[in-house]
């Protein structure tokens, strides 16, 4: 069974049936994560030599889009896990990283990213916390904001300024296991969208990190963020937005086919050409997003001069298109959408939440403008 078929099977049995309920109750879908692990999908991008499926960006995007059509919250959990796993795969192999990867490919380990801090906000690449050298590694105090899967992850890829770092990008990445002394979840998530991804702030209070848990050489964490995390995260955000748009178009079409003008003996779609035109535009926008995803995948598979520009554009365009398509659906379906008789209102909220996750659409557009003008991004 290929990765898409595996994702569809997990989605059908463990994600779609409970997505709306989990959204209302802000409940993390532990069953879905377990099923993704049993299907081998937690190790999707782990090289086959290390026991993983050895897949690439195309499979990743397809799996994320498939999950997001049913539940964007689970899709975001998966995106963060794959990004964290990529950091571990690209790190020096130690007893800490080997153990984590072994559990990931066995489907028993969920990881995530813990980069953002309140003081640097959407500039996720610039941690304010600084590691302090110890004889066996470092000691870290930090408050991380909005860590996806905060209470359910088995490990966290954490960023901090290097002990001797001179500037905001002189960072290092570390791997912290769940239950390490000094690591705690410091709040709950009450956000508008992506309500079931267990996003919460985390506090690191005097956490001792061994040398074997260091994922990057000192002062090279920023490089890993840009070269390992950002391409995957932005591609994942694009795929997530595509899944939202596809599900929204399908839900809108279903409403227009089934809702009736009883006095006319016709459905809304049959009676109102303006609604058909709005549905058509939603489909056009969604297909445009799919074409962009194909282009980004090709650039990641065969990098060139425009690859980083396409990576930056991926999440920026995805955020705008997902908001537009879901907003058009809310208007097209009217009271049925606003009164939550369809799933459209949930996708509308999730689309807005995705757009403001760091790096935000506005920050990415600033980078794109700089790139077009030949201005250094940092």
Protein backbone atom coordinates (compact mmCIF):
# COMPACT_ATOMS: atom_id res chain seq x y z
CA UNK A 1 0.00 0.00 0.00
CA UNK A 2 1.47 3.40 -0.98
CA UNK A 3 1.61 6.39 1.35
CA UNK A 4 -1.50 8.08 -0.06
CA UNK A 5 -3.56 4.91 0.28
CA UNK A 6 -2.33 4.54 3.86
CA UNK A 7 -3.27 8.15 4.60
CA UNK A 8 -6.72 7.71 3.09
CA UNK A 9 -7.32 4.60 5.16
CA UNK A 10 -6.30 6.33 8.40
CA UNK A 11 -8.37 9.39 7.49
CA UNK A 12 -11.46 7.37 6.72
CA UNK A 13 -11.39 5.33 9.91
CA UNK A 14 -9.73 7.53 12.52
CA UNK A 15 -9.94 11.19 11.47
CA UNK A 16 -13.01 12.13 9.42
CA UNK A 17 -15.65 10.53 11.69
CA UNK A 18 -14.57 12.56 14.76
CA UNK A 19 -13.18 15.77 13.23
CA UNK A 20 -16.13 18.02 14.01
CA UNK A 21 -16.53 16.63 17.53
CA UNK A 22 -12.83 17.06 18.27
CA UNK A 23 -12.97 20.63 16.98
CA UNK A 24 -15.87 21.48 19.30
CA UNK A 25 -14.25 19.81 22.29
CA UNK A 26 -10.68 20.95 21.43
CA UNK A 27 -9.67 17.32 21.73
CA UNK A 28 -6.33 16.06 20.40
CA UNK A 29 -6.82 12.98 18.21
CA UNK A 30 -4.51 10.46 19.85
CA UNK A 31 -6.13 7.61 17.93
CA UNK A 32 -5.20 9.26 14.63
CA UNK A 33 -1.57 9.65 15.67
CA UNK A 34 -1.46 6.02 16.74
CA UNK A 35 -2.96 4.94 13.41
CA UNK A 36 -0.53 7.09 11.44
CA UNK A 37 2.27 5.40 13.35
CA UNK A 38 0.91 1.92 12.70
CA UNK A 39 0.69 2.79 9.00
CA UNK A 40 4.36 3.79 8.98
CA UNK A 41 3.53 7.39 8.14
CA UNK A 42 5.33 8.91 11.14
CA UNK A 43 8.52 7.75 9.42
CA UNK A 44 7.46 8.89 5.94
CA UNK A 45 10.59 10.93 5.17
CA UNK A 46 13.03 8.87 7.26
CA UNK A 47 15.48 7.16 4.87
CA UNK A 48 14.83 3.48 4.25
CA UNK A 49 18.35 2.74 5.51
CA UNK A 50 17.13 3.93 8.91
CA UNK A 51 13.91 1.93 8.70
CA UNK A 52 11.60 4.65 7.37
CA UNK A 53 9.53 4.80 4.19
CA UNK A 54 12.19 6.89 2.46
CA UNK A 55 9.69 9.12 0.68
CA UNK A 56 10.15 12.72 -0.50
CA UNK A 57 8.31 16.05 -0.67
CA UNK A 58 5.65 14.82 -3.10
CA UNK A 59 4.48 12.05 -0.80
CA UNK A 60 4.61 14.41 2.18
CA UNK A 61 2.42 16.98 0.43
CA UNK A 62 -0.08 14.34 -0.70
CA UNK A 63 -0.40 12.85 2.78
CA UNK A 64 -0.86 16.27 4.42
CA UNK A 65 -3.51 17.34 1.89
CA UNK A 66 -5.37 14.06 2.37
CA UNK A 67 -5.45 14.46 6.15
CA UNK A 68 -6.35 18.16 5.94
CA UNK A 69 -9.44 17.47 3.85
CA UNK A 70 -10.86 15.78 6.94
CA UNK A 71 -9.17 17.59 9.83
CA UNK A 72 -6.61 20.41 9.44
CA UNK A 73 -5.71 20.13 13.13
CA UNK A 74 -4.41 16.59 12.67
CA UNK A 75 -2.67 17.71 9.48
CA UNK A 76 -0.84 20.44 11.40
CA UNK A 77 0.22 17.95 14.06
CA UNK A 78 1.61 15.78 11.26
CA UNK A 79 3.42 18.67 9.55
CA UNK A 80 5.15 19.64 12.79
CA UNK A 81 6.12 16.02 13.42
CA UNK A 82 7.67 15.59 9.97
CA UNK A 83 9.58 18.86 10.31
CA UNK A 84 10.91 17.81 13.71
CA UNK A 85 11.81 14.38 12.38
CA UNK A 86 13.75 15.96 9.52
CA UNK A 87 15.85 17.86 12.07
CA UNK A 88 16.64 14.59 13.84
CA UNK A 89 17.48 12.80 10.58
CA UNK A 90 19.88 15.58 9.58
CA UNK A 91 21.58 15.67 13.00
CA UNK A 92 24.71 13.76 14.01
CA UNK A 93 23.74 10.23 14.98
CA UNK A 94 24.01 9.77 18.75
CA UNK A 95 22.30 7.47 21.20
CA UNK A 96 19.63 10.16 21.67
CA UNK A 97 18.85 10.67 17.97
CA UNK A 98 19.09 6.96 17.12
CA UNK A 99 16.62 6.07 19.87
CA UNK A 100 14.17 8.76 18.74
CA UNK A 101 14.34 7.68 15.09
CA UNK A 102 13.92 4.02 16.01
CA UNK A 103 10.72 4.85 17.87
CA UNK A 104 9.50 7.15 15.09
CA UNK A 105 9.83 4.50 12.38
CA UNK A 106 8.18 2.02 14.75
CA UNK A 107 5.23 4.40 14.98
CA UNK A 108 5.67 4.98 18.70
CA UNK A 109 7.06 8.52 18.83
CA UNK A 110 5.53 11.90 18.00
CA UNK A 111 7.86 14.87 17.83
CA UNK A 112 7.27 18.58 17.21
CA UNK A 113 8.97 21.97 16.97
CA UNK A 114 9.42 24.41 19.84
CA UNK A 115 10.89 27.49 18.16
CA UNK A 116 8.66 30.54 18.66
CA UNK A 117 8.99 32.82 21.68
CA UNK A 118 6.71 35.66 22.69
CA UNK A 119 9.44 38.29 22.50
CA UNK A 120 10.35 37.54 18.87
CA UNK A 121 6.78 36.64 17.90
CA UNK A 122 6.45 35.64 14.21
CA UNK A 123 10.24 35.80 13.76
CA UNK A 124 10.50 32.16 14.80
CA UNK A 125 14.14 32.00 13.72
CA UNK A 126 15.24 34.44 16.45
CA UNK A 127 15.01 32.86 19.92
CA UNK A 128 15.60 35.10 22.92
CA UNK A 129 16.53 32.27 25.27
CA UNK A 130 20.23 31.44 25.55
CA UNK A 131 21.83 28.13 26.43
CA UNK A 132 24.50 28.17 29.12
CA UNK A 133 27.48 25.85 28.93
CA UNK A 134 27.91 23.08 31.50
CA UNK A 135 30.56 20.36 31.74
CA UNK A 136 28.19 17.84 30.08
CA UNK A 137 26.22 20.04 27.72
CA UNK A 138 24.06 23.11 28.34
CA UNK A 139 21.46 24.46 30.74
CA UNK A 140 18.42 26.18 29.25
CA UNK A 141 15.71 28.52 30.56
CA UNK A 142 13.07 29.45 28.00
CA UNK A 143 9.37 30.08 27.42
CA UNK A 144 8.19 28.76 24.07
CA UNK A 145 4.89 30.00 22.68
CA UNK A 146 2.30 27.84 20.92
CA UNK A 147 4.02 24.49 20.65
CA UNK A 148 1.86 22.14 18.58
CA UNK A 149 1.12 18.79 20.29
CA UNK A 150 2.50 20.30 23.50
CA UNK A 151 1.08 17.80 25.99
CA UNK A 152 1.11 14.81 23.62
CA UNK A 153 4.50 14.96 21.90
CA UNK A 154 7.20 12.51 22.94
CA UNK A 155 9.97 14.97 22.09
CA UNK A 156 10.56 18.60 21.17
CA UNK A 157 13.07 20.13 18.77
CA UNK A 158 14.00 23.26 20.71
CA UNK A 159 15.91 26.33 19.57
CA UNK A 160 18.06 28.61 21.71
CA UNK A 161 20.78 31.17 21.24
CA UNK A 162 24.16 29.46 21.36
CA UNK A 163 26.20 30.02 24.52
CA UNK A 164 28.68 32.20 22.65
CA UNK A 165 26.29 33.49 19.98
CA UNK A 166 26.74 37.12 18.96
CA UNK A 167 23.48 37.81 17.12
CA UNK A 168 19.82 36.71 16.97
CA UNK A 169 20.52 34.05 14.34
CA UNK A 170 23.41 32.40 16.21
CA UNK A 171 21.21 29.59 17.48
CA UNK A 172 21.47 25.87 18.18
CA UNK A 173 18.84 23.14 18.02
CA UNK A 174 18.40 20.51 20.73
CA UNK A 175 16.17 17.46 21.20
CA UNK A 176 14.30 17.26 24.50
CA UNK A 177 12.36 14.20 25.52
CA UNK A 178 8.98 14.29 27.20
CA UNK A 179 9.19 14.20 30.96
CA UNK A 180 12.64 15.80 31.19
CA UNK A 181 13.03 17.65 34.47
CA UNK A 182 12.15 21.31 34.11
CA UNK A 183 9.98 20.95 30.98
CA UNK A 184 6.31 21.83 31.47
CA UNK A 185 3.26 22.94 29.54
CA UNK A 186 2.44 26.45 30.71
CA UNK A 187 -1.10 27.01 29.46
CA UNK A 188 -3.90 25.91 27.16
CA UNK A 189 -4.96 26.89 23.66
CA UNK A 190 -8.14 28.91 23.21
CA UNK A 191 -7.58 29.96 19.60
CA UNK A 192 -10.13 30.55 16.87
CA UNK A 193 -9.05 27.75 14.54
CA UNK A 194 -6.99 24.54 14.49
CA UNK A 195 -8.51 23.98 17.89
CA UNK A 196 -7.62 20.30 18.19
CA UNK A 197 -3.84 20.48 17.64
CA UNK A 198 -2.97 20.85 21.35
CA UNK A 199 -1.02 24.05 20.79
CA UNK A 200 0.19 25.54 24.06
CA UNK A 201 3.07 27.54 25.55
CA UNK A 202 5.84 25.57 27.22
CA UNK A 203 8.30 26.52 29.93
CA UNK A 204 11.85 25.23 30.20
CA UNK A 205 13.16 25.92 33.69
CA UNK A 206 16.81 25.02 34.24
CA UNK A 207 16.65 22.14 31.77
CA UNK A 208 19.90 20.16 31.52
CA UNK A 209 20.60 19.10 27.92
CA UNK A 210 23.36 16.60 27.20
CA UNK A 211 25.83 17.00 24.36
CA UNK A 212 24.27 13.96 22.66
CA UNK A 213 20.95 15.83 22.42
CA UNK A 214 22.44 18.69 20.39
CA UNK A 215 21.06 18.48 16.84
CA UNK A 216 23.22 21.13 15.18
CA UNK A 217 26.71 22.52 15.70
CA UNK A 218 26.66 25.66 17.81
CA UNK A 219 25.43 28.77 16.00
CA UNK A 220 24.11 26.78 13.01
CA UNK A 221 20.52 26.30 14.16
CA UNK A 222 19.40 29.16 11.93
CA UNK A 223 20.87 27.37 8.91
CA UNK A 224 18.90 24.23 9.78
CA UNK A 225 15.73 26.28 10.23
CA UNK A 226 16.08 27.78 6.73
CA UNK A 227 17.39 24.76 4.87
CA UNK A 228 15.64 21.85 6.63
CA UNK A 229 12.55 23.17 8.41
CA UNK A 230 11.30 26.11 6.32
CA UNK A 231 10.95 24.25 2.98
CA UNK A 232 9.09 21.37 4.59
CA UNK A 233 6.93 23.56 6.82
CA UNK A 234 5.92 25.91 4.00
CA UNK A 235 5.21 22.98 1.68
CA UNK A 236 3.17 21.38 4.46
CA UNK A 237 1.25 24.62 5.01
CA UNK A 238 0.52 24.78 1.29
CA UNK A 239 -0.68 21.17 1.23
CA UNK A 240 -2.79 21.80 4.34
CA UNK A 241 -4.41 24.83 2.67
CA UNK A 242 -5.07 22.77 -0.45
CA UNK A 243 -6.84 20.13 1.61
CA UNK A 244 -8.96 22.81 3.27
CA UNK A 245 -9.90 24.28 -0.11
CA UNK A 246 -10.79 20.92 -1.64
CA UNK A 247 -12.99 20.02 1.32
CA UNK A 248 -14.62 23.45 1.26
CA UNK A 249 -15.44 23.25 -2.46
CA UNK A 250 -16.93 19.78 -1.95
CA UNK A 251 -19.04 20.93 1.02
CA UNK A 252 -20.26 23.99 -0.89
CA UNK A 253 -21.20 21.92 -3.94
CA UNK A 254 -23.07 19.47 -1.72
CA UNK A 255 -25.05 22.29 -0.12
CA UNK A 256 -25.93 23.84 -3.48
CA UNK A 257 -27.15 20.47 -4.75
CA UNK A 258 -29.24 19.54 -1.71
CA UNK A 259 -30.66 22.82 -0.32
CA UNK A 260 -33.99 23.58 -2.00
CA UNK A 261 -36.24 26.44 -2.93
CA UNK A 262 -39.37 24.41 -2.25
CA UNK A 263 -41.65 26.96 -3.89
CA UNK A 264 -39.57 26.80 -7.08
CA UNK A 265 -38.96 23.08 -7.05
CA UNK A 266 -35.24 23.66 -7.60
CA UNK A 267 -32.00 23.45 -5.66
CA UNK A 268 -29.97 26.57 -4.85
CA UNK A 269 -27.44 25.57 -7.47
CA UNK A 270 -30.11 25.14 -10.11
CA UNK A 271 -31.92 28.38 -9.29
CA UNK A 272 -29.10 30.87 -8.73
CA UNK A 273 -26.43 31.35 -11.41
CA UNK A 274 -24.45 33.72 -9.15
CA UNK A 275 -23.88 30.86 -6.69
CA UNK A 276 -22.72 28.62 -9.52
CA UNK A 277 -20.27 31.32 -10.56
CA UNK A 278 -18.94 31.64 -7.02
CA UNK A 279 -18.49 27.87 -6.81
CA UNK A 280 -16.64 27.93 -10.12
CA UNK A 281 -14.25 30.62 -8.86
CA UNK A 282 -13.60 28.60 -5.71
CA UNK A 283 -12.67 25.61 -7.85
CA UNK A 284 -10.42 27.77 -10.04
CA UNK A 285 -8.61 29.13 -6.99
CA UNK A 286 -8.20 25.62 -5.58
CA UNK A 287 -6.81 24.27 -8.83
CA UNK A 288 -4.37 27.17 -8.95
CA UNK A 289 -3.15 26.22 -5.48
CA UNK A 290 -2.70 22.61 -6.62
CA UNK A 291 -0.60 23.80 -9.57
CA UNK A 292 1.56 25.87 -7.24
CA UNK A 293 2.08 22.86 -4.99
CA UNK A 294 3.29 20.84 -7.98
CA UNK A 295 5.72 23.62 -8.86
CA UNK A 296 7.11 23.85 -5.31
CA UNK A 297 7.61 20.08 -5.16
CA UNK A 298 9.55 20.14 -8.43
CA UNK A 299 11.79 22.91 -7.07
CA UNK A 300 12.47 20.95 -3.89
CA UNK A 301 13.21 17.78 -5.85
CA UNK A 302 15.53 19.66 -8.24
CA UNK A 303 16.69 22.87 -6.50
CA UNK A 304 17.59 25.91 -8.56
CA UNK A 305 17.95 29.68 -8.37
CA UNK A 306 14.22 30.20 -7.76
CA UNK A 307 13.74 27.48 -5.15
CA UNK A 308 13.86 29.69 -2.06
CA UNK A 309 11.53 32.23 -3.68
CA UNK A 310 9.03 29.45 -4.40
CA UNK A 311 9.35 28.22 -0.80
CA UNK A 312 8.59 31.70 0.53
CA UNK A 313 5.65 32.09 -1.83
CA UNK A 314 4.20 28.69 -0.91
CA UNK A 315 2.78 29.56 2.50
CA UNK A 316 2.07 33.20 1.63
CA UNK A 317 -0.12 32.29 -1.34
CA UNK A 318 -1.63 29.32 0.48
CA UNK A 319 -2.79 31.50 3.35
CA UNK A 320 -4.44 34.05 1.08
CA UNK A 321 -6.13 31.45 -1.13
CA UNK A 322 -7.45 29.35 1.76
CA UNK A 323 -8.96 32.44 3.39
CA UNK A 324 -10.50 33.54 0.09
CA UNK A 325 -11.99 30.14 -0.77
CA UNK A 326 -13.42 29.55 2.69
CA UNK A 327 -14.74 33.13 2.89
CA UNK A 328 -16.43 32.70 -0.50
CA UNK A 329 -17.97 29.47 0.77
CA UNK A 330 -19.32 31.16 3.88
CA UNK A 331 -20.99 33.77 1.72
CA UNK A 332 -22.21 31.25 -0.88
CA UNK A 333 -23.79 28.95 1.70
CA UNK A 334 -25.09 31.79 3.87
CA UNK A 335 -27.00 30.88 6.98
CA UNK A 336 -26.27 27.17 6.66
CA UNK A 337 -22.54 27.89 6.98
CA UNK A 338 -22.80 30.55 9.68
CA UNK A 339 -25.10 28.41 11.79
CA UNK A 340 -22.58 25.54 11.57
CA UNK A 341 -24.91 23.20 9.67
CA UNK A 342 -21.98 22.42 7.39
CA UNK A 343 -18.26 21.89 8.01
CA UNK A 344 -17.44 25.11 6.16
CA UNK A 345 -17.28 27.32 9.24
CA UNK A 346 -14.65 25.00 10.74
CA UNK A 347 -12.50 25.18 7.61
CA UNK A 348 -12.93 28.97 7.55
CA UNK A 349 -11.50 29.23 11.07
CA UNK A 350 -8.71 26.77 10.35
CA UNK A 351 -7.70 28.70 7.22
CA UNK A 352 -7.32 31.91 9.21
CA UNK A 353 -5.33 30.16 11.94
CA UNK A 354 -2.91 28.71 9.42
CA UNK A 355 -2.26 32.10 7.85
CA UNK A 356 -1.07 33.66 11.10
CA UNK A 357 1.22 30.81 12.14
CA UNK A 358 4.86 31.85 11.94
CA UNK A 359 6.15 32.67 9.45
CA UNK A 360 2.98 34.68 8.87
CA UNK A 361 1.72 35.64 5.43
CA UNK A 362 2.75 39.26 6.02
CA UNK A 363 6.30 38.32 7.05
CA UNK A 364 6.66 36.07 4.02
CA UNK A 365 5.47 38.80 1.67
CA UNK A 366 8.10 41.11 3.14
CA UNK A 367 10.75 38.48 2.40
CA UNK A 368 9.42 37.98 -1.14
CA UNK A 369 9.57 41.72 -1.78
CA UNK A 370 13.15 41.86 -0.50
CA UNK A 371 14.14 38.89 -2.66
CA UNK A 372 12.69 40.52 -5.78
CA UNK A 373 14.62 43.72 -5.06
CA UNK A 374 17.87 41.97 -4.24
CA UNK A 375 17.74 43.08 -0.59
CA UNK A 376 19.22 40.61 1.94
CA UNK A 377 16.47 38.81 3.84
CA UNK A 378 18.28 39.04 7.20
